């Protein structure tokens, strides 16, 4: 399990109106215990694309990255972690509006 710390959120521009609803990109600094397989010395960051349609939001894409170089880390979240991140995004995406 990991914990979420500092984050940024930005609305994703869709100038051609290809996507329905709104999209937000979250970049979240993640704290991971040293004995966790996700742990990296340079730190870990989580990139999340969050979609909002008719007032309902959901994660449409996420990826873990190293904090220093942004290299992709091939690990999937467990169900409880995914639910925690989705709740976090639901509670905070309005700051980008």
C-alpha atoms as a PDB file:
ATOM      1  CA  UNK A   1       0.000   0.000   0.000  1.00  0.00           C
ATOM      2  CA  UNK A   2       1.136   3.544  -0.621  1.00  0.00           C
ATOM      3  CA  UNK A   3       0.022   7.000   0.474  1.00  0.00           C
ATOM      4  CA  UNK A   4      -0.712  10.063  -1.618  1.00  0.00           C
ATOM      5  CA  UNK A   5       1.029  13.357  -0.966  1.00  0.00           C
ATOM      6  CA  UNK A   6       1.521  16.472  -3.053  1.00  0.00           C
ATOM      7  CA  UNK A   7      -0.264  16.666  -6.374  1.00  0.00           C
ATOM      8  CA  UNK A   8      -1.062  18.844  -9.332  1.00  0.00           C
ATOM      9  CA  UNK A   9      -4.205  18.679 -11.428  1.00  0.00           C
ATOM     10  CA  UNK A  10      -4.875  20.276 -14.795  1.00  0.00           C
ATOM     11  CA  UNK A  11      -7.782  20.187 -17.187  1.00  0.00           C
ATOM     12  CA  UNK A  12      -6.841  18.401 -20.410  1.00  0.00           C
ATOM     13  CA  UNK A  13      -7.650  20.506 -23.462  1.00  0.00           C
ATOM     14  CA  UNK A  14      -9.784  18.917 -26.178  1.00  0.00           C
ATOM     15  CA  UNK A  15      -9.900  21.583 -28.905  1.00  0.00           C
ATOM     16  CA  UNK A  16     -11.510  19.255 -31.451  1.00  0.00           C
ATOM     17  CA  UNK A  17     -14.221  17.995 -29.052  1.00  0.00           C
ATOM     18  CA  UNK A  18     -13.351  14.370 -29.752  1.00  0.00           C
ATOM     19  CA  UNK A  19     -13.820  13.229 -26.153  1.00  0.00           C
ATOM     20  CA  UNK A  20     -17.117  13.383 -24.325  1.00  0.00           C
ATOM     21  CA  UNK A  21     -17.123  15.119 -20.955  1.00  0.00           C
ATOM     22  CA  UNK A  22     -14.041  16.599 -19.329  1.00  0.00           C
ATOM     23  CA  UNK A  23     -10.605  15.115 -18.670  1.00  0.00           C
ATOM     24  CA  UNK A  24      -8.191  15.976 -15.888  1.00  0.00           C
ATOM     25  CA  UNK A  25      -4.580  14.910 -15.482  1.00  0.00           C
ATOM     26  CA  UNK A  26      -3.330  14.326 -11.954  1.00  0.00           C
ATOM     27  CA  UNK A  27       0.350  14.018 -11.110  1.00  0.00           C
ATOM     28  CA  UNK A  28       0.560  12.674  -7.551  1.00  0.00           C
ATOM     29  CA  UNK A  29       3.667  12.126  -5.450  1.00  0.00           C
ATOM     30  CA  UNK A  30       3.402   8.710  -3.817  1.00  0.00           C
ATOM     31  CA  UNK A  31       5.112   7.564  -0.634  1.00  0.00           C
ATOM     32  CA  UNK A  32       6.001   3.888  -0.701  1.00  0.00           C
ATOM     33  CA  UNK A  33       7.511   1.740   2.051  1.00  0.00           C
ATOM     34  CA  UNK A  34      11.033   0.463   1.342  1.00  0.00           C
ATOM     35  CA  UNK A  35       9.981  -3.195   1.348  1.00  0.00           C
ATOM     36  CA  UNK A  36       7.247  -2.639  -1.272  1.00  0.00           C
ATOM     37  CA  UNK A  37       7.915  -3.781  -4.865  1.00  0.00           C
ATOM     38  CA  UNK A  38       6.822  -0.321  -6.066  1.00  0.00           C
ATOM     39  CA  UNK A  39       9.575   1.419  -4.070  1.00  0.00           C
ATOM     40  CA  UNK A  40      12.290   3.253  -6.027  1.00  0.00           C
ATOM     41  CA  UNK A  41      15.135   5.236  -4.466  1.00  0.00           C
ATOM     42  CA  UNK A  42      14.436   8.237  -6.714  1.00  0.00           C
ATOM     43  CA  UNK A  43      10.795   8.339  -5.629  1.00  0.00           C
ATOM     44  CA  UNK A  44       7.511   7.404  -7.275  1.00  0.00           C
ATOM     45  CA  UNK A  45       4.896   9.497  -9.008  1.00  0.00           C
ATOM     46  CA  UNK A  46       1.427   8.467 -10.181  1.00  0.00           C
ATOM     47  CA  UNK A  47      -0.053   9.940 -13.367  1.00  0.00           C
ATOM     48  CA  UNK A  48      -3.849   9.628 -13.568  1.00  0.00           C
ATOM     49  CA  UNK A  49      -6.244  10.639 -16.333  1.00  0.00           C
ATOM     50  CA  UNK A  50      -9.647  11.207 -14.757  1.00  0.00           C
ATOM     51  CA  UNK A  51     -12.806  11.611 -16.861  1.00  0.00           C
ATOM     52  CA  UNK A  52     -15.978  13.406 -15.766  1.00  0.00           C
ATOM     53  CA  UNK A  53     -19.229  12.860 -17.700  1.00  0.00           C
ATOM     54  CA  UNK A  54     -22.576  14.172 -16.454  1.00  0.00           C
ATOM     55  CA  UNK A  55     -21.161  14.746 -12.977  1.00  0.00           C
ATOM     56  CA  UNK A  56     -19.766  11.221 -12.631  1.00  0.00           C
ATOM     57  CA  UNK A  57     -16.021  10.671 -12.627  1.00  0.00           C
ATOM     58  CA  UNK A  58     -13.778   7.677 -13.164  1.00  0.00           C
ATOM     59  CA  UNK A  59     -10.146   6.847 -13.798  1.00  0.00           C
ATOM     60  CA  UNK A  60      -9.590   6.086 -17.477  1.00  0.00           C
ATOM     61  CA  UNK A  61      -5.824   5.618 -17.326  1.00  0.00           C
ATOM     62  CA  UNK A  62      -3.035   5.582 -14.775  1.00  0.00           C
ATOM     63  CA  UNK A  63       0.659   4.822 -14.680  1.00  0.00           C
ATOM     64  CA  UNK A  64       3.403   4.844 -12.103  1.00  0.00           C
ATOM     65  CA  UNK A  65       6.602   6.705 -12.971  1.00  0.00           C
ATOM     66  CA  UNK A  66       9.921   7.342 -11.295  1.00  0.00           C
ATOM     67  CA  UNK A  67       9.858  10.816  -9.772  1.00  0.00           C
ATOM     68  CA  UNK A  68      13.191  11.953 -11.153  1.00  0.00           C
ATOM     69  CA  UNK A  69      13.177  10.809 -14.795  1.00  0.00           C
ATOM     70  CA  UNK A  70       9.520   9.950 -15.361  1.00  0.00           C
ATOM     71  CA  UNK A  71      10.357   6.380 -16.423  1.00  0.00           C
ATOM     72  CA  UNK A  72       7.365   4.054 -16.613  1.00  0.00           C
ATOM     73  CA  UNK A  73       7.024   1.509 -13.781  1.00  0.00           C
ATOM     74  CA  UNK A  74       5.103  -1.588 -14.872  1.00  0.00           C
ATOM     75  CA  UNK A  75       2.904  -2.221 -11.815  1.00  0.00           C
ATOM     76  CA  UNK A  76      -0.866  -2.288 -11.532  1.00  0.00           C
ATOM     77  CA  UNK A  77      -2.825  -1.056  -8.547  1.00  0.00           C
ATOM     78  CA  UNK A  78      -4.792  -3.422  -6.368  1.00  0.00           C
ATOM     79  CA  UNK A  79      -8.551  -2.859  -6.083  1.00  0.00           C
ATOM     80  CA  UNK A  80      -8.330  -1.057  -2.724  1.00  0.00           C
ATOM     81  CA  UNK A  81      -5.551   1.225  -4.015  1.00  0.00           C
ATOM     82  CA  UNK A  82      -7.524   2.011  -7.160  1.00  0.00           C
ATOM     83  CA  UNK A  83     -10.588   2.865  -5.053  1.00  0.00           C
ATOM     84  CA  UNK A  84      -8.470   5.151  -2.822  1.00  0.00           C
ATOM     85  CA  UNK A  85      -6.996   7.016  -5.820  1.00  0.00           C
ATOM     86  CA  UNK A  86     -10.398   7.321  -7.514  1.00  0.00           C
ATOM     87  CA  UNK A  87     -11.900   8.784  -4.324  1.00  0.00           C
ATOM     88  CA  UNK A  88      -8.979  11.214  -4.078  1.00  0.00           C
ATOM     89  CA  UNK A  89      -9.515  12.359  -7.675  1.00  0.00           C
ATOM     90  CA  UNK A  90     -13.280  12.667  -7.177  1.00  0.00           C
ATOM     91  CA  UNK A  91     -12.766  14.898  -4.145  1.00  0.00           C
ATOM     92  CA  UNK A  92     -10.111  17.132  -5.708  1.00  0.00           C
ATOM     93  CA  UNK A  93     -10.707  17.490  -9.477  1.00  0.00           C
ATOM     94  CA  UNK A  94     -12.916  20.570  -9.013  1.00  0.00           C
ATOM     95  CA  UNK A  95      -9.806  22.574  -8.153  1.00  0.00           C
ATOM     96  CA  UNK A  96      -8.886  22.482 -11.840  1.00  0.00           C
ATOM     97  CA  UNK A  97     -12.114  24.145 -12.901  1.00  0.00           C
END
